[in-house]
Protein backbone atom coordinates (compact mmCIF):
# COMPACT_ATOMS: atom_id res chain seq x y z
CA MET A 1 -27.52 0.84 3.37
CA PRO A 2 -27.59 2.66 7.16
CA PHE A 3 -26.60 6.47 7.03
CA SER A 4 -23.40 5.61 8.95
CA ASP A 5 -22.16 3.43 5.79
CA VAL A 6 -23.34 6.07 3.14
CA VAL A 7 -21.04 8.99 5.06
CA LYS A 8 -18.19 6.56 5.30
CA LEU A 9 -18.49 6.66 1.61
CA PHE A 10 -17.66 10.04 1.74
CA THR A 11 -14.27 9.65 2.89
CA ASN A 12 -11.16 11.95 2.69
CA SER A 13 -9.85 10.20 -0.19
CA PHE A 14 -13.05 9.36 -2.05
CA SER A 15 -13.82 13.31 -1.68
CA THR A 16 -10.46 14.51 -2.85
CA THR A 17 -10.00 11.91 -5.88
CA GLN A 18 -13.55 11.75 -6.94
CA PHE A 19 -16.17 14.38 -5.67
CA LEU A 20 -14.18 17.08 -5.85
CA PRO A 21 -12.82 17.05 -9.79
CA ALA A 22 -16.75 15.99 -10.42
CA LEU A 23 -18.48 18.84 -8.24
CA LEU A 24 -15.84 21.38 -10.16
CA ALA A 25 -17.16 19.76 -13.63
CA SER A 26 -20.72 19.62 -12.46
CA LEU A 27 -20.39 23.36 -11.50
CA ALA A 28 -18.65 24.16 -14.95
CA GLY A 29 -21.28 22.42 -17.02
CA VAL A 30 -24.39 23.84 -15.13
CA TRP A 31 -23.16 27.60 -15.41
CA GLY A 32 -21.26 27.42 -18.73
CA LEU A 33 -23.34 25.29 -20.97
CA PRO A 34 -26.28 28.40 -21.29
CA LEU A 35 -22.96 30.41 -22.57
CA ILE A 36 -22.26 27.41 -25.39
CA VAL A 37 -25.91 26.46 -25.72
CA HIS A 38 -27.74 29.23 -27.95
CA GLY A 39 -29.82 29.85 -31.19
CA ASP A 40 -31.95 27.75 -32.95
CA ASP A 41 -31.60 23.92 -31.56
CA PRO A 42 -33.53 20.92 -30.70
CA LEU A 43 -32.09 20.63 -27.24
CA GLN A 44 -34.99 22.65 -25.44
CA PRO A 45 -35.19 20.28 -22.48
CA ILE A 46 -31.45 20.90 -21.91
CA LYS A 47 -32.16 24.70 -21.80
CA LYS A 48 -34.90 24.82 -19.61
CA VAL A 49 -32.94 22.86 -16.92
CA LEU A 50 -30.00 25.32 -17.78
CA THR A 51 -32.32 28.47 -16.96
CA LEU A 52 -32.93 27.44 -13.14
CA ALA A 53 -31.98 29.96 -10.58
CA SER A 54 -28.68 30.02 -9.01
CA THR A 55 -29.79 28.34 -5.73
CA GLU A 56 -31.44 25.34 -7.77
CA LYS A 57 -28.31 25.22 -10.10
CA ALA A 58 -26.21 24.68 -7.19
CA VAL A 59 -28.29 21.66 -5.91
CA LEU A 60 -28.33 20.19 -9.42
CA ALA A 61 -24.55 20.77 -9.54
CA VAL A 62 -24.19 18.85 -6.00
CA ALA A 63 -26.64 16.24 -7.16
CA VAL A 64 -24.47 15.43 -10.65
CA ALA A 65 -21.49 15.38 -9.12
CA VAL A 66 -22.56 13.02 -6.23
CA VAL A 67 -23.79 10.66 -9.31
CA LEU A 68 -20.29 11.25 -11.33
CA SER A 69 -18.26 10.49 -8.38
CA VAL A 70 -19.84 7.47 -7.55
CA VAL A 71 -19.96 6.48 -11.44
CA PHE A 72 -15.94 7.18 -11.40
CA THR A 73 -15.31 5.16 -7.98
CA ILE A 74 -16.87 2.28 -9.51
CA LEU A 75 -15.35 2.58 -13.15
CA SER A 76 -11.78 3.73 -11.73
CA THR A 77 -10.12 0.27 -12.19
CA THR A 78 -11.38 0.33 -15.53
CA LEU A 79 -10.50 3.71 -16.03
CA LEU A 80 -6.96 3.04 -15.07
CA ARG A 81 -6.59 0.10 -17.21
CA VAL A 82 -8.01 2.35 -20.46
CA TYR A 83 -5.04 4.79 -19.47
CA GLU A 84 -2.34 2.11 -19.01
CA GLY A 85 -3.14 0.74 -22.65
CA TYR A 86 -4.82 -2.81 -21.88
CA ILE A 87 -8.21 -2.01 -22.81
CA GLY A 88 -8.86 -1.37 -26.78
CA HIS A 89 -4.81 -1.97 -27.38
CA ARG A 90 -5.93 -4.45 -30.46
CA LEU A 91 -8.30 -1.65 -31.93
CA PHE A 92 -6.35 2.09 -31.82
CA TRP A 93 -3.06 1.44 -29.11
CA ALA A 94 -0.78 0.20 -32.05
CA PRO A 95 0.68 3.31 -33.32
CA LEU A 96 1.55 4.48 -29.29
CA ARG A 97 3.02 1.04 -28.86
CA ALA A 98 5.26 1.34 -31.40
CA SER A 99 6.16 4.93 -30.47
CA GLU A 100 6.63 3.58 -26.90
CA LEU A 101 8.77 0.64 -27.91
CA ARG A 102 11.41 3.24 -30.31
CA ARG A 103 11.56 5.81 -27.19
CA ARG A 104 12.74 2.54 -25.13
CA ARG A 105 15.18 1.17 -27.47
CA GLN A 106 16.65 4.70 -27.97
CA THR A 107 16.90 4.97 -24.52
CA ILE A 108 18.75 1.75 -23.44
CA GLU A 109 21.27 2.34 -26.86
CA GLU A 110 22.16 5.42 -25.48
CA ARG A 111 22.53 4.32 -22.14
CA ASP A 112 24.36 1.51 -22.88
CA ARG A 113 26.74 4.05 -25.54
CA LEU A 114 27.91 6.12 -22.36
CA LYS A 115 27.88 3.16 -20.14
CA ALA A 116 30.71 1.38 -22.63
CA LEU A 117 33.00 4.58 -22.53
CA GLY A 118 36.24 4.17 -20.44
CA ASP A 119 36.48 7.67 -19.40
CA ARG A 120 33.20 9.39 -19.01
CA THR A 121 32.90 13.79 -18.07
CA PRO A 122 30.86 14.63 -15.27
CA ALA A 123 27.93 15.64 -17.88
CA GLN A 124 28.42 12.21 -19.28
CA GLN A 125 27.76 10.56 -15.88
CA GLN A 126 25.13 12.50 -15.15
CA ARG A 127 23.12 11.72 -18.70
CA LEU A 128 24.16 7.92 -17.93
CA ASN A 129 22.58 8.28 -14.67
CA SER A 130 19.44 9.75 -15.86
CA LEU A 131 19.06 7.16 -18.67
CA ALA A 132 19.62 4.30 -16.24
CA LEU A 133 16.95 5.80 -14.32
CA ALA A 134 14.76 6.05 -16.80
CA VAL A 135 15.24 2.92 -18.36
CA GLU A 136 14.17 1.11 -14.88
CA THR A 137 11.09 3.39 -14.00
CA ARG A 138 10.09 4.25 -17.25
CA PHE A 139 9.95 1.22 -19.47
CA ALA A 140 8.71 -2.11 -19.58
CA ARG A 141 11.49 -5.08 -18.86
CA SER A 142 11.18 -6.36 -22.08
CA ASP A 143 9.93 -5.28 -25.77
CA ARG A 144 6.99 -7.88 -25.31
CA ALA A 145 6.06 -6.06 -22.19
CA THR A 146 5.88 -2.80 -23.82
CA MET A 147 2.75 -0.95 -23.33
CA ALA A 148 1.15 1.62 -25.30
CA THR A 149 1.28 4.31 -23.09
CA SER A 150 3.40 5.95 -20.98
CA LEU A 151 1.24 5.27 -17.79
CA GLY A 152 1.41 1.72 -18.74
CA ASN A 153 4.85 1.49 -19.27
CA VAL A 154 5.66 3.27 -15.50
CA TYR A 155 3.51 0.75 -13.78
CA ARG A 156 4.81 -2.30 -15.79
CA ALA A 157 8.38 -0.95 -14.57
CA PHE A 158 7.42 -1.07 -10.87
CA GLU A 159 5.39 -4.31 -11.41
CA GLY A 160 8.20 -5.92 -12.88
CA TYR A 161 11.04 -5.08 -10.22
CA PRO A 162 10.62 -7.74 -7.76
CA ASN A 163 10.69 -10.48 -10.69
CA ASP A 164 13.75 -8.68 -12.14
CA ARG A 165 15.76 -8.29 -8.41
CA TYR A 166 14.22 -11.39 -6.70
CA HIS A 167 12.39 -13.70 -9.07
CA PHE A 168 9.04 -13.20 -7.57
CA ASP A 169 5.62 -12.37 -8.89
CA GLY A 170 5.15 -8.65 -7.70
CA VAL A 171 1.09 -9.08 -8.57
CA VAL A 172 0.90 -12.36 -6.49
CA MET A 173 3.05 -10.95 -3.63
CA TRP A 174 2.15 -7.46 -3.48
CA PRO A 175 -1.41 -8.03 -1.62
CA ARG A 176 0.61 -9.89 1.15
CA ILE A 177 3.13 -7.46 1.51
CA TYR A 178 0.69 -4.53 2.10
CA PRO A 179 -0.87 -5.37 5.08
CA LEU A 180 2.75 -6.21 6.70
CA LEU A 181 4.33 -2.77 5.65
CA PRO A 182 4.81 0.18 8.69
CA GLU A 183 2.11 2.50 8.40
CA SER A 184 4.44 5.15 6.58
CA ALA A 185 5.04 3.16 3.81
CA ARG A 186 1.59 1.92 3.46
CA ALA A 187 0.82 6.07 3.49
CA ASP A 188 3.16 6.68 0.73
CA VAL A 189 1.67 4.49 -1.71
CA SER A 190 -2.14 5.29 -0.68
CA ALA A 191 -1.11 9.19 -0.95
CA ALA A 192 0.42 8.41 -4.62
CA GLN A 193 -2.70 6.06 -5.76
CA SER A 194 -4.97 8.78 -4.75
CA ARG A 195 -2.96 11.18 -6.74
CA ILE A 196 -3.27 9.01 -9.44
CA ASP A 197 -7.02 8.55 -9.14
CA LEU A 198 -7.35 12.23 -8.85
CA LEU A 199 -5.61 13.43 -12.37
CA ILE A 200 -7.18 10.21 -14.32
CA THR A 201 -10.51 11.63 -13.25
CA SER A 202 -9.76 14.83 -14.24
CA THR A 203 -8.20 13.80 -17.71
CA THR A 204 -11.31 11.86 -18.11
CA LEU A 205 -13.66 14.80 -17.30
CA SER A 206 -11.81 17.36 -19.31
CA TYR A 207 -12.46 14.45 -22.41
CA LEU A 208 -15.38 14.43 -21.84
CA ALA A 209 -16.43 17.96 -21.55
CA ALA A 210 -14.54 18.62 -25.17
CA LEU A 211 -16.73 16.00 -26.65
CA ILE A 212 -19.97 17.35 -24.93
CA VAL A 213 -18.64 21.12 -26.32
CA VAL A 214 -17.89 19.61 -30.12
CA TRP A 215 -21.52 17.96 -30.17
CA LEU A 216 -23.39 21.27 -28.75
CA GLU A 217 -21.59 23.98 -30.52
CA PRO A 218 -21.35 24.20 -34.45
CA PHE A 219 -17.81 24.71 -35.32
CA SER A 220 -16.34 28.38 -34.74
CA LEU A 221 -13.10 29.91 -33.71
CA ARG A 222 -14.53 29.87 -30.19
CA THR A 223 -15.37 26.26 -30.13
CA ALA A 224 -12.30 25.46 -31.39
CA LEU A 225 -10.05 27.26 -28.56
CA LEU A 226 -12.36 25.98 -25.87
CA VAL A 227 -11.76 22.47 -27.16
CA ALA A 228 -8.19 22.62 -27.85
CA THR A 229 -8.58 24.26 -23.97
CA LEU A 230 -10.34 21.48 -22.64
CA THR A 231 -7.87 19.11 -24.70
CA VAL A 232 -4.38 20.22 -23.36
CA GLY A 233 -5.87 20.30 -19.96
CA GLY A 234 -6.60 16.88 -20.18
CA TYR A 235 -3.36 15.99 -20.99
CA VAL A 236 -1.55 18.20 -18.51
CA ALA A 237 -3.54 16.14 -15.84
CA TYR A 238 -2.47 12.71 -17.63
CA ARG A 239 0.98 13.79 -17.64
CA GLY A 240 0.64 14.56 -14.02
CA ALA A 241 -0.59 10.93 -13.67
CA VAL A 242 2.29 9.76 -15.09
CA THR A 243 4.65 11.75 -12.39
CA ALA A 244 2.55 10.40 -9.64
CA ALA A 245 2.80 6.90 -11.02
CA LEU A 246 6.63 7.31 -10.69
CA SER A 247 6.47 8.31 -7.27
CA MET A 248 3.85 5.55 -6.42
CA GLY A 249 6.84 3.05 -8.45
CA MET A 250 9.29 4.37 -5.90
CA ALA A 251 7.52 3.56 -2.90
CA VAL A 252 6.14 0.08 -4.24
CA ARG A 253 10.07 -1.00 -5.01
CA ALA A 254 11.43 0.18 -1.42
CA SER A 255 7.70 -2.14 -0.07
CA PHE A 256 9.06 -4.88 -2.06
CA ASP A 257 12.79 -4.49 -0.57
CA ILE A 258 11.86 -3.91 3.01
CA GLY A 259 9.19 -6.24 3.26
CA ARG A 260 9.92 -9.16 1.82
CA LYS A 261 11.90 -10.30 4.91
CA THR A 262 8.75 -9.44 6.75
CA LEU A 263 6.46 -11.83 4.59
CA LEU A 264 8.66 -14.78 4.78
CA GLU A 265 8.76 -14.87 8.42
CA SER A 266 5.10 -14.72 8.35
CA LEU A 267 4.67 -17.46 6.15
CA GLY A 268 7.42 -19.85 8.40
CA LEU A 269 10.01 -19.38 6.37
CA LYS A 270 13.31 -17.83 6.39
CA LEU A 271 15.39 -15.55 4.26
CA PRO A 272 18.33 -16.99 3.05
CA GLU A 273 21.61 -15.58 3.36
CA SER A 274 22.64 -15.39 -0.47
CA LEU A 275 21.04 -14.09 -3.43
CA GLU A 276 20.64 -16.83 -5.43
CA GLU A 277 19.21 -19.06 -2.88
CA GLU A 278 16.88 -16.17 -1.81
CA ARG A 279 15.70 -15.95 -5.64
CA GLU A 280 15.25 -19.90 -5.48
CA LEU A 281 13.00 -19.68 -2.75
CA TRP A 282 10.61 -17.12 -4.19
CA ARG A 283 10.82 -18.87 -7.27
CA ARG A 284 9.25 -21.98 -5.61
CA LEU A 285 6.94 -19.82 -3.31
CA THR A 286 5.52 -17.77 -6.48
CA ASP A 287 4.89 -21.35 -7.99
CA PHE A 288 3.17 -22.76 -4.69
CA LEU A 289 0.93 -19.69 -4.23
CA LEU A 290 0.41 -19.24 -8.19
CA TYR A 291 0.32 -22.91 -9.77
CA ASN A 292 -0.18 -24.95 -6.46
CA LYS A 293 3.13 -26.98 -7.10
CA PRO A 294 4.14 -28.68 -3.73
CA GLY A 295 7.70 -26.93 -3.97
CA LEU A 296 7.48 -25.38 -0.57
CA ARG A 297 7.00 -28.97 1.57
CA PRO A 298 8.96 -29.10 4.57
CA LYS A 299 11.73 -31.97 4.08
CA GLU A 300 10.27 -35.44 4.53
CA GLU A 301 11.49 -36.79 8.18
CA ASP A 302 12.91 -40.10 8.07
CA PRO A 303 10.59 -43.15 8.70
CA PRO A 304 9.97 -44.64 12.24
CA GLY A 305 12.95 -46.80 13.01
CA SER A 306 15.42 -45.80 10.27
CA ASN A 307 17.55 -44.16 13.00
CA ASP A 308 17.91 -47.47 15.03
CA VAL A 309 18.35 -49.19 11.45
CA ALA A 310 21.41 -46.91 10.85
CA LYS A 311 22.96 -47.27 13.97
CA ALA A 312 22.49 -50.80 14.40
CA GLY A 313 24.37 -51.28 11.35
CA ALA A 314 26.95 -49.16 12.32
CA LEU A 315 27.50 -50.90 15.56
CA LEU A 316 27.74 -54.23 13.52
CA LEU A 317 30.46 -52.54 11.33
CA ILE A 318 32.41 -51.60 14.57
CA VAL A 319 32.22 -55.21 15.87
CA ALA A 320 33.09 -56.44 12.89
CA ALA A 321 36.03 -54.41 12.36
CA ILE A 322 36.97 -55.22 16.04
CA ALA A 323 36.59 -59.01 15.44
CA TRP A 324 38.83 -58.99 12.21
CA ALA A 325 41.50 -56.83 13.87
CA LEU A 326 41.75 -59.17 16.92
CA ARG A 327 41.80 -62.25 14.34
CA ARG A 328 45.09 -60.88 12.43
CA ARG A 329 46.88 -60.34 15.68
CA THR A 330 45.92 -63.86 16.80
CA CYS A 331 47.44 -64.91 13.37
């Protein structure tokens, strides 16, 4: 690989979302682990590494950070799917999914109750707006689509937005709409995704550090406090990722709204005037792209000579009508 390609790897997004948290974790590990590993234990090789000079520790920390950041870059999609609740959902996500289902149903019930009120106070109207926004942005479109984690449901909410509004599959259309968006819209989506990657990486590193402390250090009050701090820090970073996903969801919804017309024009189609016609067009386009159904073929032209036949038939009818009228007059 040329050196220029290696340099391109360390873009601003990469350095912020992967390399920076990995570097901080490496520095904390190289200088912090000697404070944890002590006494009689079989980890002599680790001790020898941790007793290096400060300069050597810094070099080691940077090297470990580079390796970790590359690994996290490769696994970024997998990690995101883990925190969304896709991977391992049959093993340990069932209780969390039940909790998310309960939250969704309670939120919808309260929204519907306030919506049914004839006269609402300003406080009730504000609460109704808040609940309606939560149902739209924080939960999946149905119980069946509900994921086990808050992050997964936020993603499900904006992934299902175009299907609910316009009847097309957002996952299928997004790679086609995104390149056609204005630069500002793409920048908003990219910035939100970078924040999510940064916080997911930080969450994972915090949990891994907690596991390492549990493995290396015998149980004590100090160990419990350190593990609790790392676990809480990881959870706070995860909640930050959920907040960033909410911002990304708003940007993605706006992208679907403003980009769908441009996509149709790029495909040689025209945006219908009515919403029902547009939904039907998107449904047929989705079937065409996803299942190769020939629902978007242009209207078949009349076969050669068919117009001439029609004209001849009309002329014969006119001649026959004139002849009939003349015959009646002569009679």
